[in-house]
Each structure stands twice: as C-alpha cells, then as structure tokens.
C-alpha cells in the first residue's frame, strides 16, 4: 500500500537533521516550508507504525524530537505524533477570546 504523507518535524537545536534529510531524500520528499515535507510512502500494515519504525532506524532521536505526520489513504485523512508529543503552543494567551456562560472550556 502507498499513502500520501505530510510530515512536520522538530528535532531541536542539536538534532540529527542530516539523518532525517537523508531519509526524506531517499523518499523523494518535497519541501513545503520550514520543517515540513510531503511524500508518497509505501508500507505494509499501519502507516504510522511503519513511518515510526523506518525513521527510528535512520535518525538519531532524543527526548526533544517531535515528528507529526498527516496521512491520506483511501480518502481518509488522519494525523498524529509518531515521535514525541504535543506541547504548549507559542501563541497561547495572545488572542482575545470572550467566554460566555455556555462555553464548556471556561
């Protein structure tokens, strides 16, 4: 099977970008802005698990490494962190939002 993948990566200041760039080049990835690429990814089984396994074999990762993938397959789009996890957004707290009595988040 082959899936179309958008991938966002943040390996930190001292991350193994050379290893990741070599892996992306092998997959003929296209650059899509700062730390974003897209490519077709052949796999068997779960696309996210296959991506994670391949990247872990090719790239030195540490606790600060984060990779988020959005996969399109059979007209379904799914996204998740395959390495690391979500952190607080740098824009959190900058916007002006009004809370009303019906808002479940406040």
C-alpha atoms as a PDB file:
ATOM      1  CA  UNK A   1       0.000   0.000   0.000  1.00  0.00           C
ATOM      2  CA  UNK A   2       1.106   3.593  -0.534  1.00  0.00           C
ATOM      3  CA  UNK A   3      -0.012   6.638   1.446  1.00  0.00           C
ATOM      4  CA  UNK A   4       0.451  10.354   0.835  1.00  0.00           C
ATOM      5  CA  UNK A   5       2.159  11.853   3.903  1.00  0.00           C
ATOM      6  CA  UNK A   6       2.626  15.407   5.139  1.00  0.00           C
ATOM      7  CA  UNK A   7       5.264  15.470   7.851  1.00  0.00           C
ATOM      8  CA  UNK A   8       6.261  18.213  10.278  1.00  0.00           C
ATOM      9  CA  UNK A   9       9.473  17.753  12.244  1.00  0.00           C
ATOM     10  CA  UNK A  10      11.266  19.442  15.125  1.00  0.00           C
ATOM     11  CA  UNK A  11      14.468  17.732  16.245  1.00  0.00           C
ATOM     12  CA  UNK A  12      15.716  20.573  18.427  1.00  0.00           C
ATOM     13  CA  UNK A  13      18.894  22.588  18.007  1.00  0.00           C
ATOM     14  CA  UNK A  14      21.271  19.621  18.064  1.00  0.00           C
ATOM     15  CA  UNK A  15      19.013  17.086  16.332  1.00  0.00           C
ATOM     16  CA  UNK A  16      20.083  14.624  13.646  1.00  0.00           C
ATOM     17  CA  UNK A  17      18.825  16.673  10.711  1.00  0.00           C
ATOM     18  CA  UNK A  18      21.403  15.079   8.421  1.00  0.00           C
ATOM     19  CA  UNK A  19      19.926  11.636   9.102  1.00  0.00           C
ATOM     20  CA  UNK A  20      16.371  12.901   8.640  1.00  0.00           C
ATOM     21  CA  UNK A  21      17.259  14.791   5.456  1.00  0.00           C
ATOM     22  CA  UNK A  22      18.889  11.653   4.029  1.00  0.00           C
ATOM     23  CA  UNK A  23      15.733   9.659   4.849  1.00  0.00           C
ATOM     24  CA  UNK A  24      13.497  12.329   3.277  1.00  0.00           C
ATOM     25  CA  UNK A  25      15.713  12.443   0.178  1.00  0.00           C
ATOM     26  CA  UNK A  26      15.506   8.640  -0.183  1.00  0.00           C
ATOM     27  CA  UNK A  27      11.710   9.008  -0.189  1.00  0.00           C
ATOM     28  CA  UNK A  28      11.863  11.851  -2.760  1.00  0.00           C
ATOM     29  CA  UNK A  29      10.130  14.193  -0.316  1.00  0.00           C
ATOM     30  CA  UNK A  30       9.188  17.699  -1.412  1.00  0.00           C
ATOM     31  CA  UNK A  31       9.956  20.692   0.808  1.00  0.00           C
ATOM     32  CA  UNK A  32       6.819  22.533   1.982  1.00  0.00           C
ATOM     33  CA  UNK A  33       8.137  25.344   4.174  1.00  0.00           C
ATOM     34  CA  UNK A  34      10.085  25.395   7.378  1.00  0.00           C
ATOM     35  CA  UNK A  35      10.365  21.848   8.753  1.00  0.00           C
ATOM     36  CA  UNK A  36       7.527  20.437   6.621  1.00  0.00           C
ATOM     37  CA  UNK A  37       7.679  17.912   3.782  1.00  0.00           C
ATOM     38  CA  UNK A  38       5.368  15.671   1.786  1.00  0.00           C
ATOM     39  CA  UNK A  39       5.988  12.364   0.031  1.00  0.00           C
ATOM     40  CA  UNK A  40       4.442   9.064  -1.016  1.00  0.00           C
ATOM     41  CA  UNK A  41       5.226   6.347   1.499  1.00  0.00           C
ATOM     42  CA  UNK A  42       4.966   2.637   0.607  1.00  0.00           C
ATOM     43  CA  UNK A  43       4.132   0.459   3.611  1.00  0.00           C
ATOM     44  CA  UNK A  44       2.515  -2.686   4.865  1.00  0.00           C
ATOM     45  CA  UNK A  45       0.242  -2.526   7.874  1.00  0.00           C
ATOM     46  CA  UNK A  46      -0.322   0.672   9.830  1.00  0.00           C
ATOM     47  CA  UNK A  47       1.231   3.675   8.062  1.00  0.00           C
ATOM     48  CA  UNK A  48       2.079   5.486  11.306  1.00  0.00           C
ATOM     49  CA  UNK A  49       3.846   2.477  12.819  1.00  0.00           C
ATOM     50  CA  UNK A  50       5.763   1.854   9.571  1.00  0.00           C
ATOM     51  CA  UNK A  51       6.845   5.512   9.394  1.00  0.00           C
ATOM     52  CA  UNK A  52       7.945   5.497  13.027  1.00  0.00           C
ATOM     53  CA  UNK A  53       9.954   2.289  12.626  1.00  0.00           C
ATOM     54  CA  UNK A  54      11.731   3.481   9.469  1.00  0.00           C
ATOM     55  CA  UNK A  55      12.589   6.868  10.912  1.00  0.00           C
ATOM     56  CA  UNK A  56      13.853   5.364  14.174  1.00  0.00           C
ATOM     57  CA  UNK A  57      16.160   3.092  12.140  1.00  0.00           C
ATOM     58  CA  UNK A  58      17.592   6.038  10.167  1.00  0.00           C
ATOM     59  CA  UNK A  59      17.598   9.030  12.524  1.00  0.00           C
ATOM     60  CA  UNK A  60      19.123   9.551  15.976  1.00  0.00           C
ATOM     61  CA  UNK A  61      16.289  10.832  18.149  1.00  0.00           C
ATOM     62  CA  UNK A  62      16.204  12.164  21.701  1.00  0.00           C
ATOM     63  CA  UNK A  63      13.531  13.224  24.171  1.00  0.00           C
ATOM     64  CA  UNK A  64      13.136  16.626  22.468  1.00  0.00           C
ATOM     65  CA  UNK A  65      12.495  15.148  18.991  1.00  0.00           C
ATOM     66  CA  UNK A  66       8.990  15.592  17.626  1.00  0.00           C
ATOM     67  CA  UNK A  67       7.549  14.395  14.327  1.00  0.00           C
ATOM     68  CA  UNK A  68       3.898  14.812  13.353  1.00  0.00           C
ATOM     69  CA  UNK A  69       2.515  13.014  10.317  1.00  0.00           C
ATOM     70  CA  UNK A  70      -0.729  13.519   8.411  1.00  0.00           C
ATOM     71  CA  UNK A  71      -1.546  10.554   6.178  1.00  0.00           C
ATOM     72  CA  UNK A  72      -4.066  10.412   3.368  1.00  0.00           C
ATOM     73  CA  UNK A  73      -5.181   6.956   2.338  1.00  0.00           C
ATOM     74  CA  UNK A  74      -8.432   5.766   0.762  1.00  0.00           C
ATOM     75  CA  UNK A  75      -9.901   9.288   1.015  1.00  0.00           C
ATOM     76  CA  UNK A  76      -9.327   9.265   4.783  1.00  0.00           C
ATOM     77  CA  UNK A  77      -7.063  11.798   6.480  1.00  0.00           C
ATOM     78  CA  UNK A  78      -5.521  11.098   9.876  1.00  0.00           C
ATOM     79  CA  UNK A  79      -2.770  12.825  11.806  1.00  0.00           C
ATOM     80  CA  UNK A  80      -0.755  12.095  14.926  1.00  0.00           C
ATOM     81  CA  UNK A  81       2.604  12.473  16.571  1.00  0.00           C
ATOM     82  CA  UNK A  82       4.713   9.471  15.605  1.00  0.00           C
ATOM     83  CA  UNK A  83       7.674  10.742  17.662  1.00  0.00           C
ATOM     84  CA  UNK A  84       7.213  12.915  20.765  1.00  0.00           C
ATOM     85  CA  UNK A  85       4.022  14.689  21.704  1.00  0.00           C
ATOM     86  CA  UNK A  86       2.181  17.995  21.624  1.00  0.00           C
ATOM     87  CA  UNK A  87       3.470  20.878  23.727  1.00  0.00           C
ATOM     88  CA  UNK A  88       2.051  24.276  24.620  1.00  0.00           C
ATOM     89  CA  UNK A  89       1.658  26.499  21.582  1.00  0.00           C
ATOM     90  CA  UNK A  90       3.880  29.590  21.469  1.00  0.00           C
ATOM     91  CA  UNK A  91       0.794  31.666  20.600  1.00  0.00           C
ATOM     92  CA  UNK A  92      -1.213  30.513  23.633  1.00  0.00           C
ATOM     93  CA  UNK A  93      -2.550  33.534  25.509  1.00  0.00           C
ATOM     94  CA  UNK A  94      -2.085  36.082  22.720  1.00  0.00           C
ATOM     95  CA  UNK A  95      -5.644  36.020  21.373  1.00  0.00           C
ATOM     96  CA  UNK A  96      -8.626  37.848  22.763  1.00  0.00           C
ATOM     97  CA  UNK A  97     -11.465  35.453  23.482  1.00  0.00           C
ATOM     98  CA  UNK A  98     -14.709  36.175  25.252  1.00  0.00           C
ATOM     99  CA  UNK A  99     -16.103  33.456  27.431  1.00  0.00           C
ATOM    100  CA  UNK A 100     -19.851  33.081  27.774  1.00  0.00           C
ATOM    101  CA  UNK A 101     -21.855  31.050  30.233  1.00  0.00           C
ATOM    102  CA  UNK A 102     -22.368  28.204  27.725  1.00  0.00           C
ATOM    103  CA  UNK A 103     -18.679  27.724  26.898  1.00  0.00           C
ATOM    104  CA  UNK A 104     -17.607  24.317  28.299  1.00  0.00           C
ATOM    105  CA  UNK A 105     -13.909  25.257  28.247  1.00  0.00           C
ATOM    106  CA  UNK A 106     -14.090  28.077  30.808  1.00  0.00           C
END
